[in-house]
PDB file of N, CA and C in Angstrom:
ATOM      1  N   MET A   1     148.882  66.993 108.269  1.00  0.00           N
ATOM      2  CA  MET A   1     148.628  67.972 107.783  1.00  0.00           C
ATOM      3  C   MET A   1     148.159  67.828 106.329  1.00  0.00           C
ATOM      4  N   VAL A   2     148.631  67.293 105.538  1.00  0.00           N
ATOM      5  CA  VAL A   2     148.173  66.608 104.291  1.00  0.00           C
ATOM      6  C   VAL A   2     146.902  66.057 104.411  1.00  0.00           C
ATOM      7  N   LEU A   3     146.451  65.457 105.232  1.00  0.00           N
ATOM      8  CA  LEU A   3     145.166  64.623 105.489  1.00  0.00           C
ATOM      9  C   LEU A   3     144.118  65.899 105.794  1.00  0.00           C
ATOM     10  N   ARG A   4     144.627  66.712 106.700  1.00  0.00           N
ATOM     11  CA  ARG A   4     143.456  67.914 106.982  1.00  0.00           C
ATOM     12  C   ARG A   4     143.337  68.734 105.710  1.00  0.00           C
ATOM     13  N   ARG A   5     144.356  69.133 104.824  1.00  0.00           N
ATOM     14  CA  ARG A   5     144.272  69.876 103.684  1.00  0.00           C
ATOM     15  C   ARG A   5     143.107  69.160 102.727  1.00  0.00           C
ATOM     16  N   ARG A   6     143.449  67.906 102.542  1.00  0.00           N
ATOM     17  CA  ARG A   6     142.569  66.917 101.468  1.00  0.00           C
ATOM     18  C   ARG A   6     141.020  67.077 102.103  1.00  0.00           C
ATOM     19  N   LEU A   7     141.044  66.610 103.405  1.00  0.00           N
ATOM     20  CA  LEU A   7     139.875  66.669 104.078  1.00  0.00           C
ATOM     21  C   LEU A   7     138.895  67.912 103.835  1.00  0.00           C
ATOM     22  N   SER A   8     139.708  68.987 104.198  1.00  0.00           N
ATOM     23  CA  SER A   8     139.220  70.554 104.086  1.00  0.00           C
ATOM     24  C   SER A   8     138.786  70.716 102.595  1.00  0.00           C
ATOM     25  N   ALA A   9     139.789  70.254 101.536  1.00  0.00           N
ATOM     26  CA  ALA A   9     139.608  70.827 100.146  1.00  0.00           C
ATOM     27  C   ALA A   9     138.147  69.489  99.837  1.00  0.00           C
ATOM     28  N   PHE A  10     137.948  68.466 100.537  1.00  0.00           N
ATOM     29  CA  PHE A  10     136.584  67.917 100.141  1.00  0.00           C
ATOM     30  C   PHE A  10     135.346  68.431 100.997  1.00  0.00           C
ATOM     31  N   LEU A  11     135.632  68.567 102.131  1.00  0.00           N
ATOM     32  CA  LEU A  11     134.354  69.066 102.850  1.00  0.00           C
ATOM     33  C   LEU A  11     133.941  70.355 102.607  1.00  0.00           C
ATOM     34  N   MET A  12     134.833  71.422 102.127  1.00  0.00           N
ATOM     35  CA  MET A  12     134.273  72.739 101.877  1.00  0.00           C
ATOM     36  C   MET A  12     133.196  72.742 100.822  1.00  0.00           C
ATOM     37  N   PRO A  13     133.564  72.209  99.561  1.00  0.00           N
ATOM     38  CA  PRO A  13     132.732  72.306  98.385  1.00  0.00           C
ATOM     39  C   PRO A  13     131.322  71.555  98.759  1.00  0.00           C
ATOM     40  N   LEU A  14     131.504  70.323  99.453  1.00  0.00           N
ATOM     41  CA  LEU A  14     130.442  69.317  99.877  1.00  0.00           C
ATOM     42  C   LEU A  14     129.383  70.437 101.006  1.00  0.00           C
ATOM     43  N   ALA A  15     130.102  71.005 101.830  1.00  0.00           N
ATOM     44  CA  ALA A  15     129.122  72.169 102.544  1.00  0.00           C
ATOM     45  C   ALA A  15     128.505  73.098 101.896  1.00  0.00           C
ATOM     46  N   LEU A  16     129.066  73.614 100.735  1.00  0.00           N
ATOM     47  CA  LEU A  16     128.736  74.630 100.127  1.00  0.00           C
ATOM     48  C   LEU A  16     127.579  74.235  99.299  1.00  0.00           C
ATOM     49  N   TYR A  17     127.666  73.222  98.654  1.00  0.00           N
ATOM     50  CA  TYR A  17     126.783  72.149  97.809  1.00  0.00           C
ATOM     51  C   TYR A  17     125.172  72.105  98.840  1.00  0.00           C
ATOM     52  N   ALA A  18     125.775  71.309  99.818  1.00  0.00           N
ATOM     53  CA  ALA A  18     124.431  71.028 100.949  1.00  0.00           C
ATOM     54  C   ALA A  18     123.822  72.475 101.247  1.00  0.00           C
ATOM     55  N   VAL A  19     124.515  73.530 101.627  1.00  0.00           N
ATOM     56  CA  VAL A  19     123.757  74.829 101.981  1.00  0.00           C
ATOM     57  C   VAL A  19     122.873  75.362 100.613  1.00  0.00           C
ATOM     58  N   SER A  20     123.541  75.268  99.443  1.00  0.00           N
ATOM     59  CA  SER A  20     122.788  75.933  98.204  1.00  0.00           C
ATOM     60  C   SER A  20     121.627  74.927  98.040  1.00  0.00           C
ATOM     61  N   ALA A  21     121.823  73.708  98.272  1.00  0.00           N
ATOM     62  CA  ALA A  21     120.602  72.706  97.866  1.00  0.00           C
ATOM     63  C   ALA A  21     119.414  72.968  99.060  1.00  0.00           C
ATOM     64  N   GLY A  22     120.029  73.139 100.207  1.00  0.00           N
ATOM     65  CA  GLY A  22     118.903  73.553 101.129  1.00  0.00           C
ATOM     66  C   GLY A  22     118.125  74.840 101.103  1.00  0.00           C
ATOM     67  N   ALA A  23     118.953  75.739 100.637  1.00  0.00           N
ATOM     68  CA  ALA A  23     118.096  77.327 100.353  1.00  0.00           C
ATOM     69  C   ALA A  23     117.494  77.012  99.016  1.00  0.00           C
ATOM     70  N   SER A  24     117.705  76.377  97.993  1.00  0.00           N
ATOM     71  CA  SER A  24     116.920  76.248  96.840  1.00  0.00           C
ATOM     72  C   SER A  24     115.735  75.413  96.939  1.00  0.00           C
ATOM     73  N   SER A  25     115.804  74.284  97.900  1.00  0.00           N
ATOM     74  CA  SER A  25     114.824  73.483  98.420  1.00  0.00           C
ATOM     75  C   SER A  25     113.907  74.262  98.940  1.00  0.00           C
ATOM     76  N   TYR A  26     114.151  75.158  99.885  1.00  0.00           N
ATOM     77  CA  TYR A  26     113.457  75.920 100.691  1.00  0.00           C
ATOM     78  C   TYR A  26     112.551  76.842  99.893  1.00  0.00           C
ATOM     79  N   PHE A  27     113.170  77.589  98.938  1.00  0.00           N
ATOM     80  CA  PHE A  27     112.518  78.509  98.018  1.00  0.00           C
ATOM     81  C   PHE A  27     111.617  77.753  96.957  1.00  0.00           C
ATOM     82  N   ILE A  28     112.026  76.641  96.435  1.00  0.00           N
ATOM     83  CA  ILE A  28     111.058  76.056  95.606  1.00  0.00           C
ATOM     84  C   ILE A  28     109.846  75.318  96.399  1.00  0.00           C
ATOM     85  N   TRP A  29     109.884  74.800  97.531  1.00  0.00           N
ATOM     86  CA  TRP A  29     108.773  74.286  98.381  1.00  0.00           C
ATOM     87  C   TRP A  29     107.703  75.409  98.472  1.00  0.00           C
ATOM     88  N   HIS A  30     108.422  76.774  98.965  1.00  0.00           N
ATOM     89  CA  HIS A  30     107.316  77.812  99.201  1.00  0.00           C
ATOM     90  C   HIS A  30     106.903  78.214  97.885  1.00  0.00           C
ATOM     91  N   ALA A  31     107.394  78.188  96.734  1.00  0.00           N
ATOM     92  CA  ALA A  31     106.858  78.545  95.517  1.00  0.00           C
ATOM     93  C   ALA A  31     105.575  77.655  95.172  1.00  0.00           C
ATOM     94  N   LEU A  32     105.808  76.336  95.413  1.00  0.00           N
ATOM     95  CA  LEU A  32     104.617  75.519  95.289  1.00  0.00           C
ATOM     96  C   LEU A  32     103.806  75.579  96.176  1.00  0.00           C
ATOM     97  N   HIS A  33     103.850  75.567  97.502  1.00  0.00           N
ATOM     98  CA  HIS A  33     103.198  75.276  98.589  1.00  0.00           C
ATOM     99  C   HIS A  33     102.730  76.465  99.569  1.00  0.00           C
ATOM    100  N   GLY A  34     103.217  77.588  99.329  1.00  0.00           N
ATOM    101  CA  GLY A  34     103.328  78.881 100.110  1.00  0.00           C
ATOM    102  C   GLY A  34     101.950  79.414 100.088  1.00  0.00           C
ATOM    103  N   ASN A  35     101.701  80.593 100.718  1.00  0.00           N
ATOM    104  CA  ASN A  35     100.571  81.195 100.697  1.00  0.00           C
ATOM    105  C   ASN A  35     100.175  81.901  99.264  1.00  0.00           C
ATOM    106  N   ARG A  36     101.325  82.134  98.635  1.00  0.00           N
ATOM    107  CA  ARG A  36     101.083  82.579  97.208  1.00  0.00           C
ATOM    108  C   ARG A  36     101.642  81.711  96.107  1.00  0.00           C
ATOM    109  N   GLY A  37     101.679  80.377  96.576  1.00  0.00           N
ATOM    110  CA  GLY A  37     102.357  79.258  95.486  1.00  0.00           C
ATOM    111  C   GLY A  37     101.317  79.002  94.447  1.00  0.00           C
ATOM    112  N   MET A  38     101.880  77.881  93.789  1.00  0.00           N
ATOM    113  CA  MET A  38     101.086  77.623  92.472  1.00  0.00           C
ATOM    114  C   MET A  38      99.874  76.641  92.959  1.00  0.00           C
ATOM    115  N   LYS A  39      99.796  75.832  94.016  1.00  0.00           N
ATOM    116  CA  LYS A  39      98.591  75.426  94.441  1.00  0.00           C
ATOM    117  C   LYS A  39      97.519  76.389  95.182  1.00  0.00           C
ATOM    118  N   ALA A  40      98.051  77.468  95.746  1.00  0.00           N
ATOM    119  CA  ALA A  40      97.023  78.413  96.233  1.00  0.00           C
ATOM    120  C   ALA A  40      96.521  79.037  94.974  1.00  0.00           C
ATOM    121  N   LYS A  41      97.385  79.229  93.955  1.00  0.00           N
ATOM    122  CA  LYS A  41      96.804  79.982  92.784  1.00  0.00           C
ATOM    123  C   LYS A  41      95.347  79.168  91.961  1.00  0.00           C
ATOM    124  N   VAL A  42      95.806  77.931  92.083  1.00  0.00           N
ATOM    125  CA  VAL A  42      94.615  77.059  91.672  1.00  0.00           C
ATOM    126  C   VAL A  42      93.301  76.969  92.385  1.00  0.00           C
ATOM    127  N   GLU A  43      93.806  77.364  93.899  1.00  0.00           N
ATOM    128  CA  GLU A  43      92.478  77.130  94.570  1.00  0.00           C
ATOM    129  C   GLU A  43      91.918  78.559  94.657  1.00  0.00           C
ATOM    130  N   PHE A  44      92.449  79.790  94.376  1.00  0.00           N
ATOM    131  CA  PHE A  44      91.906  81.061  94.222  1.00  0.00           C
ATOM    132  C   PHE A  44      91.224  81.053  92.907  1.00  0.00           C
ATOM    133  N   ARG A  45      91.590  80.434  91.922  1.00  0.00           N
ATOM    134  CA  ARG A  45      90.759  80.470  90.590  1.00  0.00           C
ATOM    135  C   ARG A  45      89.508  79.752  90.633  1.00  0.00           C
ATOM    136  N   ALA A  46      89.823  78.407  91.481  1.00  0.00           N
ATOM    137  CA  ALA A  46      88.447  77.715  91.705  1.00  0.00           C
ATOM    138  C   ALA A  46      87.500  78.521  92.497  1.00  0.00           C
ATOM    139  N   GLU A  47      87.819  79.288  93.450  1.00  0.00           N
ATOM    140  CA  GLU A  47      87.085  80.177  94.303  1.00  0.00           C
ATOM    141  C   GLU A  47      86.501  81.177  93.570  1.00  0.00           C
ATOM    142  N   ALA A  48      87.262  81.769  92.800  1.00  0.00           N
ATOM    143  CA  ALA A  48      86.961  83.075  91.893  1.00  0.00           C
ATOM    144  C   ALA A  48      85.728  82.377  90.788  1.00  0.00           C
ATOM    145  N   LYS A  49      85.978  81.246  90.457  1.00  0.00           N
ATOM    146  CA  LYS A  49      84.688  80.672  89.722  1.00  0.00           C
ATOM    147  C   LYS A  49      83.552  80.474  90.221  1.00  0.00           C
ATOM    148  N   SER A  50      83.543  79.908  91.516  1.00  0.00           N
ATOM    149  CA  SER A  50      82.321  79.625  91.985  1.00  0.00           C
ATOM    150  C   SER A  50      81.869  80.835  92.528  1.00  0.00           C
ATOM    151  N   LEU A  51      82.284  81.855  92.833  1.00  0.00           N
ATOM    152  CA  LEU A  51      81.995  83.277  93.092  1.00  0.00           C
ATOM    153  C   LEU A  51      81.332  83.956  91.942  1.00  0.00           C
ATOM    154  N   GLN A  52      81.965  83.667  90.652  1.00  0.00           N
ATOM    155  CA  GLN A  52      81.204  84.259  89.660  1.00  0.00           C
ATOM    156  C   GLN A  52      79.983  83.553  89.284  1.00  0.00           C
ATOM    157  N   THR A  53      79.830  82.118  89.476  1.00  0.00           N
ATOM    158  CA  THR A  53      78.405  81.658  89.158  1.00  0.00           C
ATOM    159  C   THR A  53      77.505  82.154  90.248  1.00  0.00           C
ATOM    160  N   GLU A  54      77.971  82.384  91.535  1.00  0.00           N
ATOM    161  CA  GLU A  54      77.021  82.910  92.536  1.00  0.00           C
ATOM    162  C   GLU A  54      76.672  84.318  92.419  1.00  0.00           C
ATOM    163  N   LEU A  55      77.393  85.007  91.709  1.00  0.00           N
ATOM    164  CA  LEU A  55      77.040  86.553  91.433  1.00  0.00           C
ATOM    165  C   LEU A  55      76.078  86.327  90.236  1.00  0.00           C
ATOM    166  N   VAL A  56      75.967  85.526  89.304  1.00  0.00           N
ATOM    167  CA  VAL A  56      75.218  85.310  88.189  1.00  0.00           C
ATOM    168  C   VAL A  56      74.004  84.872  88.866  1.00  0.00           C
ATOM    169  N   ASP A  57      73.777  84.082  89.370  1.00  0.00           N
ATOM    170  CA  ASP A  57      72.746  83.790  90.493  1.00  0.00           C
ATOM    171  C   ASP A  57      72.006  84.822  91.004  1.00  0.00           C
ATOM    172  N   LEU A  58      72.857  85.580  91.835  1.00  0.00           N
ATOM    173  CA  LEU A  58      72.268  86.678  92.604  1.00  0.00           C
ATOM    174  C   LEU A  58      71.766  87.906  91.686  1.00  0.00           C
ATOM    175  N   LYS A  59      72.483  88.103  90.534  1.00  0.00           N
ATOM    176  CA  LYS A  59      72.081  89.196  89.606  1.00  0.00           C
ATOM    177  C   LYS A  59      70.534  88.704  89.106  1.00  0.00           C
ATOM    178  N   ALA A  60      70.399  87.324  88.700  1.00  0.00           N
ATOM    179  CA  ALA A  60      68.937  86.777  88.256  1.00  0.00           C
ATOM    180  C   ALA A  60      67.879  87.212  89.271  1.00  0.00           C
ATOM    181  N   GLU A  61      68.359  86.877  90.458  1.00  0.00           N
ATOM    182  CA  GLU A  61      67.424  86.873  91.613  1.00  0.00           C
ATOM    183  C   GLU A  61      67.069  88.380  91.785  1.00  0.00           C
ATOM    184  N   ARG A  62      68.073  89.069  91.785  1.00  0.00           N
ATOM    185  CA  ARG A  62      67.877  90.793  91.811  1.00  0.00           C
ATOM    186  C   ARG A  62      66.894  91.115  90.715  1.00  0.00           C
ATOM    187  N   PHE A  63      67.399  90.770  89.636  1.00  0.00           N
ATOM    188  CA  PHE A  63      66.468  91.107  88.375  1.00  0.00           C
ATOM    189  C   PHE A  63      65.021  90.683  88.623  1.00  0.00           C
ATOM    190  N   GLY A  64      64.861  89.689  89.079  1.00  0.00           N
ATOM    191  CA  GLY A  64      63.409  89.128  89.332  1.00  0.00           C
ATOM    192  C   GLY A  64      62.606  90.001  90.464  1.00  0.00           C
ATOM    193  N   LEU A  65      63.460  90.396  91.501  1.00  0.00           N
ATOM    194  CA  LEU A  65      62.613  91.034  92.723  1.00  0.00           C
ATOM    195  C   LEU A  65      62.392  92.389  91.956  1.00  0.00           C
ATOM    196  N   GLU A  66      63.477  93.073  91.492  1.00  0.00           N
ATOM    197  CA  GLU A  66      63.192  94.499  90.827  1.00  0.00           C
ATOM    198  C   GLU A  66      62.103  94.294  89.775  1.00  0.00           C
ATOM    199  N   ARG A  67      61.723  93.394  89.011  1.00  0.00           N
ATOM    200  CA  ARG A  67      60.703  93.159  88.129  1.00  0.00           C
ATOM    201  C   ARG A  67      59.568  93.292  88.974  1.00  0.00           C
ATOM    202  N   ARG A  68      59.504  92.397  90.108  1.00  0.00           N
ATOM    203  CA  ARG A  68      58.044  92.265  91.012  1.00  0.00           C
ATOM    204  C   ARG A  68      57.676  93.949  91.475  1.00  0.00           C
ATOM    205  N   ILE A  69      58.875  94.522  92.066  1.00  0.00           N
ATOM    206  CA  ILE A  69      58.727  95.811  92.596  1.00  0.00           C
ATOM    207  C   ILE A  69      58.099  96.776  91.672  1.00  0.00           C
ATOM    208  N   ALA A  70      58.575  96.660  90.344  1.00  0.00           N
ATOM    209  CA  ALA A  70      58.235  97.564  89.393  1.00  0.00           C
ATOM    210  C   ALA A  70      56.631  97.313  89.144  1.00  0.00           C
ATOM    211  N   MET A  71      56.190  95.905  89.170  1.00  0.00           N
ATOM    212  CA  MET A  71      54.689  95.738  89.033  1.00  0.00           C
ATOM    213  C   MET A  71      53.805  96.227  90.330  1.00  0.00           C
ATOM    214  N   MET A  72      54.393  96.513  91.314  1.00  0.00           N
ATOM    215  CA  MET A  72      53.765  97.038  92.686  1.00  0.00           C
ATOM    216  C   MET A  72      53.814  98.576  92.651  1.00  0.00           C
ATOM    217  N   ARG A  73      54.303  99.230  91.912  1.00  0.00           N
ATOM    218  CA  ARG A  73      54.669 100.701  91.975  1.00  0.00           C
ATOM    219  C   ARG A  73      53.243 101.289  91.798  1.00  0.00           C
ATOM    220  N   ALA A  74      53.105 102.726  92.285  1.00  0.00           N
ATOM    221  CA  ALA A  74      51.888 103.105  92.265  1.00  0.00           C
ATOM    222  C   ALA A  74      51.161 103.570  90.849  1.00  0.00           C
ATOM    223  N   GLU A  75      52.097 103.704  89.853  1.00  0.00           N
ATOM    224  CA  GLU A  75      51.467 103.915  88.608  1.00  0.00           C
ATOM    225  C   GLU A  75      51.002 102.652  87.987  1.00  0.00           C
ATOM    226  N   SER A  76      51.298 101.537  88.042  1.00  0.00           N
ATOM    227  CA  SER A  76      50.971 100.368  87.584  1.00  0.00           C
ATOM    228  C   SER A  76      50.647  99.170  88.372  1.00  0.00           C
ATOM    229  N   VAL A  77      49.818  99.365  89.379  1.00  0.00           N
ATOM    230  CA  VAL A  77      49.852  98.402  90.222  1.00  0.00           C
ATOM    231  C   VAL A  77      48.804  97.007  89.474  1.00  0.00           C
ATOM    232  N   GLU A  78      49.502  95.984  89.358  1.00  0.00           N
ATOM    233  CA  GLU A  78      48.729  94.757  88.822  1.00  0.00           C
ATOM    234  C   GLU A  78      47.984  94.167  90.101  1.00  0.00           C
ATOM    235  N   ARG A  79      46.739  93.699  90.038  1.00  0.00           N
ATOM    236  CA  ARG A  79      45.923  93.217  90.993  1.00  0.00           C
ATOM    237  C   ARG A  79      46.404  91.873  91.441  1.00  0.00           C
ATOM    238  N   ASP A  80      46.753  91.018  90.563  1.00  0.00           N
ATOM    239  CA  ASP A  80      47.275  89.802  90.883  1.00  0.00           C
ATOM    240  C   ASP A  80      48.522  89.687  91.760  1.00  0.00           C
ATOM    241  N   ILE A  81      49.290  90.622  91.508  1.00  0.00           N
ATOM    242  CA  ILE A  81      50.564  90.746  92.369  1.00  0.00           C
ATOM    243  C   ILE A  81      50.273  91.304  93.705  1.00  0.00           C
ATOM    244  N   LEU A  82      49.366  92.472  93.738  1.00  0.00           N
ATOM    245  CA  LEU A  82      48.868  92.894  94.965  1.00  0.00           C
ATOM    246  C   LEU A  82      48.288  91.898  95.843  1.00  0.00           C
ATOM    247  N   GLU A  83      47.403  91.211  95.163  1.00  0.00           N
ATOM    248  CA  GLU A  83      46.659  90.152  96.059  1.00  0.00           C
ATOM    249  C   GLU A  83      47.569  89.029  96.346  1.00  0.00           C
ATOM    250  N   GLU A  84      48.326  88.578  95.605  1.00  0.00           N
ATOM    251  CA  GLU A  84      49.211  87.439  95.999  1.00  0.00           C
ATOM    252  C   GLU A  84      50.036  88.089  97.110  1.00  0.00           C
ATOM    253  N   GLU A  85      50.574  89.304  97.079  1.00  0.00           N
ATOM    254  CA  GLU A  85      51.600  89.623  98.324  1.00  0.00           C
ATOM    255  C   GLU A  85      50.653  89.987  99.401  1.00  0.00           C
ATOM    256  N   ALA A  86      49.462  90.438  99.398  1.00  0.00           N
ATOM    257  CA  ALA A  86      48.671  90.644 100.615  1.00  0.00           C
ATOM    258  C   ALA A  86      48.598  89.439 101.278  1.00  0.00           C
ATOM    259  N   ARG A  87      48.052  88.508 100.453  1.00  0.00           N
ATOM    260  CA  ARG A  87      47.932  86.949 101.202  1.00  0.00           C
ATOM    261  C   ARG A  87      48.936  86.467 101.997  1.00  0.00           C
ATOM    262  N   ARG A  88      50.154  86.591 101.214  1.00  0.00           N
ATOM    263  CA  ARG A  88      51.429  86.081 101.581  1.00  0.00           C
ATOM    264  C   ARG A  88      51.781  86.710 103.073  1.00  0.00           C
ATOM    265  N   GLN A  89      51.564  88.133 102.957  1.00  0.00           N
ATOM    266  CA  GLN A  89      51.969  88.644 104.274  1.00  0.00           C
ATOM    267  C   GLN A  89      51.040  88.531 105.354  1.00  0.00           C
ATOM    268  N   LEU A  90      49.732  88.310 104.938  1.00  0.00           N
ATOM    269  CA  LEU A  90      48.814  88.156 106.077  1.00  0.00           C
ATOM    270  C   LEU A  90      48.604  86.598 106.411  1.00  0.00           C
ATOM    271  N   GLY A  91      49.094  85.769 105.658  1.00  0.00           N
ATOM    272  CA  GLY A  91      49.061  84.421 105.875  1.00  0.00           C
ATOM    273  C   GLY A  91      47.669  83.874 105.630  1.00  0.00           C
ATOM    274  N   ARG A  92      47.037  84.433 104.861  1.00  0.00           N
ATOM    275  CA  ARG A  92      45.410  84.150 104.442  1.00  0.00           C
ATOM    276  C   ARG A  92      45.541  83.182 103.122  1.00  0.00           C
ATOM    277  N   VAL A  93      44.272  82.482 103.089  1.00  0.00           N
ATOM    278  CA  VAL A  93      44.326  81.636 101.877  1.00  0.00           C
ATOM    279  C   VAL A  93      42.754  81.655 101.517  1.00  0.00           C
ATOM    280  N   HIS A  94      42.358  81.989 100.115  1.00  0.00           N
ATOM    281  CA  HIS A  94      41.013  81.846  99.790  1.00  0.00           C
ATOM    282  C   HIS A  94      40.494  80.381  99.885  1.00  0.00           C
ATOM    283  N   ARG A  95      39.337  80.204 100.175  1.00  0.00           N
ATOM    284  CA  ARG A  95      38.712  79.016 100.390  1.00  0.00           C
ATOM    285  C   ARG A  95      38.663  78.054  99.105  1.00  0.00           C
ATOM    286  N   ASN A  96      38.913  78.738  98.095  1.00  0.00           N
ATOM    287  CA  ASN A  96      38.941  78.159  96.597  1.00  0.00           C
ATOM    288  C   ASN A  96      40.253  77.716  96.161  1.00  0.00           C
ATOM    289  N   ASP A  97      41.279  78.208  96.683  1.00  0.00           N
ATOM    290  CA  ASP A  97      42.710  78.116  96.576  1.00  0.00           C
ATOM    291  C   ASP A  97      43.271  76.908  96.818  1.00  0.00           C
ATOM    292  N   VAL A  98      44.193  76.264  95.994  1.00  0.00           N
ATOM    293  CA  VAL A  98      44.856  75.000  96.207  1.00  0.00           C
ATOM    294  C   VAL A  98      46.117  75.308  96.824  1.00  0.00           C
ATOM    295  N   VAL A  99      46.482  74.656  97.965  1.00  0.00           N
ATOM    296  CA  VAL A  99      47.904  74.982  98.541  1.00  0.00           C
ATOM    297  C   VAL A  99      48.670  73.662  98.326  1.00  0.00           C
ATOM    298  N   VAL A 100      49.889  73.828  97.927  1.00  0.00           N
ATOM    299  CA  VAL A 100      50.935  72.598  97.573  1.00  0.00           C
ATOM    300  C   VAL A 100      51.880  72.730  98.543  1.00  0.00           C
ATOM    301  N   PHE A 101      52.300  71.962  99.278  1.00  0.00           N
ATOM    302  CA  PHE A 101      53.516  72.311 100.413  1.00  0.00           C
ATOM    303  C   PHE A 101      54.471  71.321  99.954  1.00  0.00           C
ATOM    304  N   ILE A 102      55.505  72.096  99.567  1.00  0.00           N
ATOM    305  CA  ILE A 102      56.815  71.516  98.785  1.00  0.00           C
ATOM    306  C   ILE A 102      57.858  71.118  99.986  1.00  0.00           C
ATOM    307  N   SER A 103      58.260  70.050 100.330  1.00  0.00           N
ATOM    308  CA  SER A 103      59.228  69.770 101.374  1.00  0.00           C
ATOM    309  C   SER A 103      60.760  69.688 100.616  1.00  0.00           C
ATOM    310  N   ALA A 104      61.534  69.847 101.350  1.00  0.00           N
ATOM    311  CA  ALA A 104      62.986  69.715 101.081  1.00  0.00           C
ATOM    312  C   ALA A 104      63.439  68.518 100.469  1.00  0.00           C
ATOM    313  N   ILE A 105      64.068  68.384  99.292  1.00  0.00           N
ATOM    314  CA  ILE A 105      64.142  67.304  98.678  1.00  0.00           C
ATOM    315  C   ILE A 105      65.577  66.562  99.223  1.00  0.00           C
ATOM    316  N   ARG A 106      65.232  65.376  99.947  1.00  0.00           N
ATOM    317  CA  ARG A 106      66.097  64.553 100.642  1.00  0.00           C
ATOM    318  C   ARG A 106      66.660  63.269  99.675  1.00  0.00           C
ATOM    319  N   PRO A 107      68.093  63.186  99.884  1.00  0.00           N
ATOM    320  CA  PRO A 107      68.562  61.905  98.956  1.00  0.00           C
ATOM    321  C   PRO A 107      68.102  60.702  99.574  1.00  0.00           C
ATOM    322  N   LYS A 108      68.027  59.807  98.662  1.00  0.00           N
ATOM    323  CA  LYS A 108      67.331  58.609  98.975  1.00  0.00           C
ATOM    324  C   LYS A 108      68.304  57.727  99.708  1.00  0.00           C
ATOM    325  N   ALA A 109      68.200  57.023 100.647  1.00  0.00           N
ATOM    326  CA  ALA A 109      69.023  56.198 101.186  1.00  0.00           C
ATOM    327  C   ALA A 109      69.027  54.707 100.325  1.00  0.00           C
ATOM    328  N   ASP A 110      70.316  54.326  99.959  1.00  0.00           N
ATOM    329  CA  ASP A 110      70.342  52.969  99.361  1.00  0.00           C
ATOM    330  C   ASP A 110      70.457  51.878 100.050  1.00  0.00           C
TER     331      ASP A 110
END
């Protein structure tokens, strides 16, 4: 009887500490590695930064295209732009034009 009481007095707090340690470690692990954890926050920030740079590039491209379209409007058609666009769409080249083919840049094998 005394042994059972001592064993119970020892095992009950031990079980309580084990359960609370398990619950704490569960929540800490998910706070670090979960879908909304600290590592996910770092990944989201890196993705947001790359998307921000992509947005800047796309805005610059849009500005260039809008400028080209503005040059081709009926009020102020520039002959060079019109001729260049007509040649590009028809696939024609003047006999005095120089055509330079640019291939994709490939990394050199070491």
